[in-house]
Amino acid sequence: MNIAVISDIHGNLPALQAVLRDITSRQIDRIYCLGDLVNFAPWPNEVIELIRAENIPTLCGNHDLSIGLNKTEFDFSFKTNEEHKAGLKAIAFTNSALSDENREFLRSLPKFIRLEHHQTNILLTHGSPRSVSEYVFEDFPEDTLLDLMDDYVADVLIMGHTHRPYIKYFGQSKLAINAGSVGKSKDGNNRAAYLMLTLNDKGPLPVADIIRVSYTLEEVQQAILQSSIPNIYANLLIKA
């Protein structure tokens, strides 16, 4: 059985469409989404509606949580004052563009998805199990991560939020994965990323692969430039 896990779309419809086409071309049995559907590129409604049309089980990301509550400011990874100001304008755009129905959908999203395959417990979450906003980068302390997985009864922990994919096996008993970002990569590779997980009966842990997919970056850049979203976000697409 193969499952695909997507995350951090951030309103980037062309990237989501390209990833779904790639998934369709493979033998994928189920798709899950770790959240952050909105805020950054100018298609928040279209992204949500496509996710809903495809019946993809979806978690609540930190952006989904705050936009769902119509917040005008919330914390995420600002590095400079310029990025903070740009972030506020992006939030304002998303809040003004989002339909009431889609805002209600964001408010309805859960924090976890749990799967079980041959007594292997798989936990899907956006940030970490203890906080939708906690960043679990690849250099996160291993002892803390393993304790966290034990606390939340997870043999396999699948996360998003950092926009930096990785796969870490801890012997034959534990596996931590970041699925990367569909809509806004931050790992030096500006292609969309998603996770393909192969569940089999040959071992206690599944086989994980990060898949990269090209899409029309220029289309997204032009759409950002033609909207009230700050131009800095068009540049960040290329810089990744």
C-alpha atoms as a PDB file:
ATOM      1  CA  MET A   1       0.000   0.000   0.000  1.00  0.00           C
ATOM      2  CA  ASN A   2       1.325   3.437  -0.967  1.00  0.00           C
ATOM      3  CA  ILE A   3       0.219   6.714   0.555  1.00  0.00           C
ATOM      4  CA  ALA A   4       1.187  10.257  -0.388  1.00  0.00           C
ATOM      5  CA  VAL A   5       1.523  13.018   2.183  1.00  0.00           C
ATOM      6  CA  ILE A   6       1.448  16.647   1.087  1.00  0.00           C
ATOM      7  CA  SER A   7       1.944  19.734   3.227  1.00  0.00           C
ATOM      8  CA  ASP A   8       2.344  23.511   3.281  1.00  0.00           C
ATOM      9  CA  ILE A   9       0.628  24.479   0.043  1.00  0.00           C
ATOM     10  CA  HIS A  10       0.188  28.126   1.082  1.00  0.00           C
ATOM     11  CA  GLY A  11      -2.254  29.137  -1.624  1.00  0.00           C
ATOM     12  CA  ASN A  12       0.015  27.932  -4.448  1.00  0.00           C
ATOM     13  CA  LEU A  13      -2.525  26.341  -6.772  1.00  0.00           C
ATOM     14  CA  PRO A  14      -0.195  25.557  -9.717  1.00  0.00           C
ATOM     15  CA  ALA A  15       2.168  23.689  -7.376  1.00  0.00           C
ATOM     16  CA  LEU A  16      -0.701  21.705  -5.860  1.00  0.00           C
ATOM     17  CA  GLN A  17      -2.080  20.827  -9.295  1.00  0.00           C
ATOM     18  CA  ALA A  18       1.361  19.628 -10.450  1.00  0.00           C
ATOM     19  CA  VAL A  19       1.809  17.479  -7.343  1.00  0.00           C
ATOM     20  CA  LEU A  20      -1.638  15.916  -7.679  1.00  0.00           C
ATOM     21  CA  ARG A  21      -0.913  15.097 -11.335  1.00  0.00           C
ATOM     22  CA  ASP A  22       2.329  13.418 -10.275  1.00  0.00           C
ATOM     23  CA  ILE A  23       0.547  11.457  -7.555  1.00  0.00           C
ATOM     24  CA  THR A  24      -2.076  10.335 -10.070  1.00  0.00           C
ATOM     25  CA  SER A  25       0.688   8.973 -12.313  1.00  0.00           C
ATOM     26  CA  ARG A  26       1.911   6.682  -9.517  1.00  0.00           C
ATOM     27  CA  GLN A  27       0.292   3.778  -7.704  1.00  0.00           C
ATOM     28  CA  ILE A  28      -0.926   5.792  -4.734  1.00  0.00           C
ATOM     29  CA  ASP A  29      -3.809   4.422  -2.665  1.00  0.00           C
ATOM     30  CA  ARG A  30      -4.465   7.428  -0.413  1.00  0.00           C
ATOM     31  CA  ILE A  31      -3.459  11.075  -0.028  1.00  0.00           C
ATOM     32  CA  TYR A  32      -3.200  12.984   3.251  1.00  0.00           C
ATOM     33  CA  CYS A  33      -2.445  16.663   3.841  1.00  0.00           C
ATOM     34  CA  LEU A  34      -0.632  18.085   6.869  1.00  0.00           C
ATOM     35  CA  GLY A  35      -2.117  21.554   6.545  1.00  0.00           C
ATOM     36  CA  ASP A  36      -1.182  25.161   5.844  1.00  0.00           C
ATOM     37  CA  LEU A  37      -3.409  25.389   2.806  1.00  0.00           C
ATOM     38  CA  VAL A  38      -3.412  29.187   2.768  1.00  0.00           C
ATOM     39  CA  ASN A  39      -1.395  32.392   3.041  1.00  0.00           C
ATOM     40  CA  PHE A  40       1.427  33.320   0.647  1.00  0.00           C
ATOM     41  CA  ALA A  41       0.198  32.822  -2.931  1.00  0.00           C
ATOM     42  CA  PRO A  42      -3.103  34.258  -4.249  1.00  0.00           C
ATOM     43  CA  TRP A  43      -5.284  31.150  -4.547  1.00  0.00           C
ATOM     44  CA  PRO A  44      -6.510  30.361  -1.006  1.00  0.00           C
ATOM     45  CA  ASN A  45     -10.069  29.528  -2.060  1.00  0.00           C
ATOM     46  CA  GLU A  46      -9.035  27.491  -5.075  1.00  0.00           C
ATOM     47  CA  VAL A  47      -6.562  25.417  -3.034  1.00  0.00           C
ATOM     48  CA  ILE A  48      -9.129  24.658  -0.349  1.00  0.00           C
ATOM     49  CA  GLU A  49     -11.774  23.792  -2.916  1.00  0.00           C
ATOM     50  CA  LEU A  50      -9.436  21.423  -4.756  1.00  0.00           C
ATOM     51  CA  ILE A  51      -8.470  19.689  -1.506  1.00  0.00           C
ATOM     52  CA  ARG A  52     -12.142  19.316  -0.662  1.00  0.00           C
ATOM     53  CA  ALA A  53     -13.070  18.114  -4.141  1.00  0.00           C
ATOM     54  CA  GLU A  54     -10.393  15.416  -3.931  1.00  0.00           C
ATOM     55  CA  ASN A  55     -11.632  14.359  -0.461  1.00  0.00           C
ATOM     56  CA  ILE A  56      -8.121  14.591   0.977  1.00  0.00           C
ATOM     57  CA  PRO A  57      -8.049  14.217   4.794  1.00  0.00           C
ATOM     58  CA  THR A  58      -6.352  17.391   6.004  1.00  0.00           C
ATOM     59  CA  LEU A  59      -4.856  18.706   9.236  1.00  0.00           C
ATOM     60  CA  CYS A  60      -4.923  22.238  10.591  1.00  0.00           C
ATOM     61  CA  GLY A  61      -1.668  24.110  10.070  1.00  0.00           C
ATOM     62  CA  ASN A  62      -0.659  27.184  12.057  1.00  0.00           C
ATOM     63  CA  HIS A  63      -1.650  29.475   9.161  1.00  0.00           C
ATOM     64  CA  ASP A  64      -4.956  27.648   8.751  1.00  0.00           C
ATOM     65  CA  LEU A  65      -5.629  28.035  12.463  1.00  0.00           C
ATOM     66  CA  SER A  66      -5.006  31.781  12.504  1.00  0.00           C
ATOM     67  CA  ILE A  67      -6.657  32.598   9.179  1.00  0.00           C
ATOM     68  CA  GLY A  68      -9.605  30.432  10.215  1.00  0.00           C
ATOM     69  CA  LEU A  69      -9.980  32.706  13.232  1.00  0.00           C
ATOM     70  CA  ASN A  70      -9.591  35.799  11.020  1.00  0.00           C
ATOM     71  CA  LYS A  71      -6.501  36.960  12.892  1.00  0.00           C
ATOM     72  CA  THR A  72      -4.717  39.970  11.412  1.00  0.00           C
ATOM     73  CA  GLU A  73      -1.333  39.064  12.889  1.00  0.00           C
ATOM     74  CA  PHE A  74       0.286  35.860  14.096  1.00  0.00           C
ATOM     75  CA  ASP A  75       3.799  34.504  14.563  1.00  0.00           C
ATOM     76  CA  PHE A  76       5.663  32.529  11.950  1.00  0.00           C
ATOM     77  CA  SER A  77       9.231  32.515  10.624  1.00  0.00           C
ATOM     78  CA  PHE A  78       9.946  36.230  10.146  1.00  0.00           C
ATOM     79  CA  LYS A  79      13.682  36.928   9.928  1.00  0.00           C
ATOM     80  CA  THR A  80      13.665  40.685   9.266  1.00  0.00           C
ATOM     81  CA  ASN A  81      11.423  43.687   9.838  1.00  0.00           C
ATOM     82  CA  GLU A  82      10.770  43.757   6.089  1.00  0.00           C
ATOM     83  CA  GLU A  83       9.528  40.147   6.206  1.00  0.00           C
ATOM     84  CA  HIS A  84       7.295  40.990   9.159  1.00  0.00           C
ATOM     85  CA  LYS A  85       5.661  43.874   7.297  1.00  0.00           C
ATOM     86  CA  ALA A  86       5.252  41.706   4.203  1.00  0.00           C
ATOM     87  CA  GLY A  87       3.740  38.950   6.312  1.00  0.00           C
ATOM     88  CA  LEU A  88       1.071  41.299   7.656  1.00  0.00           C
ATOM     89  CA  LYS A  89       0.107  42.325   4.115  1.00  0.00           C
ATOM     90  CA  ALA A  90      -0.076  38.688   2.987  1.00  0.00           C
ATOM     91  CA  ILE A  91      -2.326  37.874   5.940  1.00  0.00           C
ATOM     92  CA  ALA A  92      -4.573  40.829   5.076  1.00  0.00           C
ATOM     93  CA  PHE A  93      -4.850  39.644   1.470  1.00  0.00           C
ATOM     94  CA  THR A  94      -5.749  36.099   2.486  1.00  0.00           C
ATOM     95  CA  ASN A  95      -8.314  37.255   5.033  1.00  0.00           C
ATOM     96  CA  SER A  96      -9.977  39.531   2.493  1.00  0.00           C
ATOM     97  CA  ALA A  97      -9.993  36.907  -0.274  1.00  0.00           C
ATOM     98  CA  LEU A  98     -11.180  33.894   1.724  1.00  0.00           C
ATOM     99  CA  SER A  99     -14.833  32.938   1.531  1.00  0.00           C
ATOM    100  CA  ASP A 100     -16.852  32.396   4.701  1.00  0.00           C
ATOM    101  CA  GLU A 101     -17.397  28.750   3.780  1.00  0.00           C
ATOM    102  CA  ASN A 102     -13.693  28.102   3.338  1.00  0.00           C
ATOM    103  CA  ARG A 103     -12.843  29.908   6.573  1.00  0.00           C
ATOM    104  CA  GLU A 104     -15.286  27.622   8.339  1.00  0.00           C
ATOM    105  CA  PHE A 105     -13.586  24.640   6.692  1.00  0.00           C
ATOM    106  CA  LEU A 106     -10.220  25.756   8.099  1.00  0.00           C
ATOM    107  CA  ARG A 107     -11.739  25.981  11.574  1.00  0.00           C
ATOM    108  CA  SER A 108     -13.021  22.410  11.259  1.00  0.00           C
ATOM    109  CA  LEU A 109      -9.634  20.796  10.600  1.00  0.00           C
ATOM    110  CA  PRO A 110      -8.187  18.373  13.183  1.00  0.00           C
ATOM    111  CA  LYS A 111      -4.776  18.412  14.868  1.00  0.00           C
ATOM    112  CA  PHE A 112      -3.807  14.770  14.258  1.00  0.00           C
ATOM    113  CA  ILE A 113      -4.427  11.894  11.894  1.00  0.00           C
ATOM    114  CA  ARG A 114      -3.558   8.436  13.221  1.00  0.00           C
ATOM    115  CA  LEU A 115      -2.989   5.405  11.003  1.00  0.00           C
ATOM    116  CA  GLU A 116      -2.094   1.845  11.916  1.00  0.00           C
ATOM    117  CA  HIS A 117      -0.531  -0.751   9.660  1.00  0.00           C
ATOM    118  CA  HIS A 118       0.347  -4.194  11.044  1.00  0.00           C
ATOM    119  CA  GLN A 119       0.714  -2.780  14.576  1.00  0.00           C
ATOM    120  CA  THR A 120       2.887   0.119  13.368  1.00  0.00           C
ATOM    121  CA  ASN A 121       1.466   3.377  14.712  1.00  0.00           C
ATOM    122  CA  ILE A 122       1.727   6.288  12.277  1.00  0.00           C
ATOM    123  CA  LEU A 123       0.999   9.819  13.501  1.00  0.00           C
ATOM    124  CA  LEU A 124       0.488  12.740  11.126  1.00  0.00           C
ATOM    125  CA  THR A 125       0.715  16.270  12.490  1.00  0.00           C
ATOM    126  CA  HIS A 126       1.586  19.732  11.196  1.00  0.00           C
ATOM    127  CA  GLY A 127       4.300  21.073  13.495  1.00  0.00           C
ATOM    128  CA  SER A 128       4.985  18.649  16.315  1.00  0.00           C
ATOM    129  CA  PRO A 129       2.480  16.531  18.248  1.00  0.00           C
ATOM    130  CA  ARG A 130       2.584  18.996  21.130  1.00  0.00           C
ATOM    131  CA  SER A 131       2.216  22.219  19.126  1.00  0.00           C
ATOM    132  CA  VAL A 132       1.022  23.143  15.643  1.00  0.00           C
ATOM    133  CA  SER A 133       3.673  25.899  15.656  1.00  0.00           C
ATOM    134  CA  GLU A 134       6.702  23.924  16.900  1.00  0.00           C
ATOM    135  CA  TYR A 135       9.474  23.474  14.339  1.00  0.00           C
ATOM    136  CA  VAL A 136      11.083  20.024  14.265  1.00  0.00           C
ATOM    137  CA  PHE A 137      14.060  20.494  11.973  1.00  0.00           C
ATOM    138  CA  GLU A 138      16.420  17.678  11.020  1.00  0.00           C
ATOM    139  CA  ASP A 139      18.856  18.681  13.783  1.00  0.00           C
ATOM    140  CA  PHE A 140      16.156  18.569  16.471  1.00  0.00           C
ATOM    141  CA  PRO A 141      17.613  16.761  19.537  1.00  0.00           C
ATOM    142  CA  GLU A 142      17.151  13.040  18.915  1.00  0.00           C
ATOM    143  CA  ASP A 143      16.483  12.101  22.536  1.00  0.00           C
ATOM    144  CA  THR A 144      13.748  14.740  22.762  1.00  0.00           C
ATOM    145  CA  LEU A 145      12.213  13.614  19.489  1.00  0.00           C
ATOM    146  CA  LEU A 146      12.180   9.956  20.522  1.00  0.00           C
ATOM    147  CA  ASP A 147      10.624  10.861  23.878  1.00  0.00           C
ATOM    148  CA  LEU A 148       8.009  12.896  22.025  1.00  0.00           C
ATOM    149  CA  MET A 149       7.203   9.945  19.777  1.00  0.00           C
ATOM    150  CA  ASP A 150       6.867   7.681  22.812  1.00  0.00           C
ATOM    151  CA  ASP A 151       4.612  10.195  24.561  1.00  0.00           C
ATOM    152  CA  TYR A 152       2.277  10.295  21.564  1.00  0.00           C
ATOM    153  CA  VAL A 153       2.523   6.553  20.774  1.00  0.00           C
ATOM    154  CA  ALA A 154       4.091   7.020  17.338  1.00  0.00           C
ATOM    155  CA  ASP A 155       6.401   4.539  15.643  1.00  0.00           C
ATOM    156  CA  VAL A 156       6.316   6.773  12.567  1.00  0.00           C
ATOM    157  CA  LEU A 157       5.931  10.541  12.981  1.00  0.00           C
ATOM    158  CA  ILE A 158       5.169  12.574   9.833  1.00  0.00           C
ATOM    159  CA  MET A 159       5.378  16.358  10.042  1.00  0.00           C
ATOM    160  CA  GLY A 160       5.425  19.495   7.899  1.00  0.00           C
ATOM    161  CA  HIS A 161       5.731  23.172   8.931  1.00  0.00           C
ATOM    162  CA  THR A 162       9.499  23.647   8.379  1.00  0.00           C
ATOM    163  CA  HIS A 163       9.297  23.405   4.560  1.00  0.00           C
ATOM    164  CA  ARG A 164      12.506  21.350   4.730  1.00  0.00           C
ATOM    165  CA  PRO A 165      12.026  17.634   4.006  1.00  0.00           C
ATOM    166  CA  TYR A 166      13.990  14.859   5.669  1.00  0.00           C
ATOM    167  CA  ILE A 167      13.749  11.169   6.540  1.00  0.00           C
ATOM    168  CA  LYS A 168      15.346   9.836   9.756  1.00  0.00           C
ATOM    169  CA  TYR A 169      15.319   6.172  10.751  1.00  0.00           C
ATOM    170  CA  PHE A 170      16.134   5.323  14.362  1.00  0.00           C
ATOM    171  CA  GLY A 171      17.154   1.688  14.001  1.00  0.00           C
ATOM    172  CA  GLN A 172      14.273  -0.618  13.100  1.00  0.00           C
ATOM    173  CA  SER A 173      11.771   0.825  15.556  1.00  0.00           C
ATOM    174  CA  LYS A 174      11.236   4.546  14.886  1.00  0.00           C
ATOM    175  CA  LEU A 175      10.969   6.788  11.837  1.00  0.00           C
ATOM    176  CA  ALA A 176      10.609  10.590  11.757  1.00  0.00           C
ATOM    177  CA  ILE A 177       9.790  12.350   8.495  1.00  0.00           C
ATOM    178  CA  ASN A 178       9.233  15.876   7.313  1.00  0.00           C
ATOM    179  CA  ALA A 179       7.179  15.881   4.112  1.00  0.00           C
ATOM    180  CA  GLY A 180       8.510  19.241   2.918  1.00  0.00           C
ATOM    181  CA  SER A 181       6.399  21.877   1.198  1.00  0.00           C
ATOM    182  CA  VAL A 182       4.275  21.787  -1.927  1.00  0.00           C
ATOM    183  CA  GLY A 183       3.945  25.539  -2.321  1.00  0.00           C
ATOM    184  CA  LYS A 184       6.963  27.240  -0.762  1.00  0.00           C
ATOM    185  CA  SER A 185      10.167  25.213  -0.542  1.00  0.00           C
ATOM    186  CA  LYS A 186      12.920  26.402   1.790  1.00  0.00           C
ATOM    187  CA  ASP A 187      15.603  23.761   1.309  1.00  0.00           C
ATOM    188  CA  GLY A 188      17.416  25.196  -1.711  1.00  0.00           C
ATOM    189  CA  ASN A 189      15.320  23.228  -4.214  1.00  0.00           C
ATOM    190  CA  ASN A 190      12.448  25.310  -5.593  1.00  0.00           C
ATOM    191  CA  ARG A 191      10.464  22.332  -6.867  1.00  0.00           C
ATOM    192  CA  ALA A 192       7.412  21.183  -4.942  1.00  0.00           C
ATOM    193  CA  ALA A 193       7.987  18.347  -2.474  1.00  0.00           C
ATOM    194  CA  TYR A 194       5.802  15.585  -1.099  1.00  0.00           C
ATOM    195  CA  LEU A 195       6.230  12.273   0.693  1.00  0.00           C
ATOM    196  CA  MET A 196       5.521   8.834  -0.702  1.00  0.00           C
ATOM    197  CA  LEU A 197       5.256   6.153   1.973  1.00  0.00           C
ATOM    198  CA  THR A 198       5.208   2.468   1.094  1.00  0.00           C
ATOM    199  CA  LEU A 199       3.561   0.320   3.740  1.00  0.00           C
ATOM    200  CA  ASN A 200       4.507  -3.339   3.438  1.00  0.00           C
ATOM    201  CA  ASP A 201       4.567  -6.570   5.403  1.00  0.00           C
ATOM    202  CA  LYS A 202       8.333  -7.145   5.136  1.00  0.00           C
ATOM    203  CA  GLY A 203       9.441  -5.009   8.059  1.00  0.00           C
ATOM    204  CA  PRO A 204       8.204  -2.999  11.012  1.00  0.00           C
ATOM    205  CA  LEU A 205       8.707   0.368   9.308  1.00  0.00           C
ATOM    206  CA  PRO A 206       7.550   1.694   5.931  1.00  0.00           C
ATOM    207  CA  VAL A 207       9.814   2.849   3.113  1.00  0.00           C
ATOM    208  CA  ALA A 208       9.823   6.627   2.685  1.00  0.00           C
ATOM    209  CA  ASP A 209      10.759   8.737  -0.339  1.00  0.00           C
ATOM    210  CA  ILE A 210      10.640  12.488  -0.897  1.00  0.00           C
ATOM    211  CA  ILE A 211       9.353  13.235  -4.399  1.00  0.00           C
ATOM    212  CA  ARG A 212      10.171  16.537  -6.139  1.00  0.00           C
ATOM    213  CA  VAL A 213       7.896  17.993  -8.805  1.00  0.00           C
ATOM    214  CA  SER A 214       8.504  20.917 -11.139  1.00  0.00           C
ATOM    215  CA  TYR A 215       5.765  23.455 -11.780  1.00  0.00           C
ATOM    216  CA  THR A 216       5.396  26.834 -13.462  1.00  0.00           C
ATOM    217  CA  LEU A 217       7.126  29.140 -10.994  1.00  0.00           C
ATOM    218  CA  GLU A 218       6.735  32.080 -13.379  1.00  0.00           C
ATOM    219  CA  GLU A 219       2.941  31.750 -13.330  1.00  0.00           C
ATOM    220  CA  VAL A 220       2.902  31.995  -9.557  1.00  0.00           C
ATOM    221  CA  GLN A 221       5.352  34.890  -9.530  1.00  0.00           C
ATOM    222  CA  GLN A 222       3.244  36.874 -11.998  1.00  0.00           C
ATOM    223  CA  ALA A 223       0.077  36.211 -10.009  1.00  0.00           C
ATOM    224  CA  ILE A 224       1.762  37.479  -6.838  1.00  0.00           C
ATOM    225  CA  LEU A 225       3.089  40.579  -8.604  1.00  0.00           C
ATOM    226  CA  GLN A 226      -0.380  41.344  -9.948  1.00  0.00           C
ATOM    227  CA  SER A 227      -1.985  41.021  -6.498  1.00  0.00           C
ATOM    228  CA  SER A 228      -1.615  43.016  -3.287  1.00  0.00           C
ATOM    229  CA  ILE A 229       0.642  40.297  -1.872  1.00  0.00           C
ATOM    230  CA  PRO A 230       4.120  41.834  -1.376  1.00  0.00           C
ATOM    231  CA  ASN A 231       6.600  41.211  -4.192  1.00  0.00           C
ATOM    232  CA  ILE A 232       9.088  39.699  -1.734  1.00  0.00           C
ATOM    233  CA  TYR A 233       7.098  36.451  -1.924  1.00  0.00           C
ATOM    234  CA  ALA A 234       7.599  36.203  -5.673  1.00  0.00           C
ATOM    235  CA  ASN A 235      11.362  36.365  -5.109  1.00  0.00           C
ATOM    236  CA  LEU A 236      11.260  33.764  -2.332  1.00  0.00           C
ATOM    237  CA  LEU A 237       9.841  31.211  -4.778  1.00  0.00           C
ATOM    238  CA  ILE A 238      13.082  31.246  -6.736  1.00  0.00           C
ATOM    239  CA  LYS A 239      15.426  31.497  -3.750  1.00  0.00           C
ATOM    240  CA  ALA A 240      13.729  28.554  -1.985  1.00  0.00           C
END
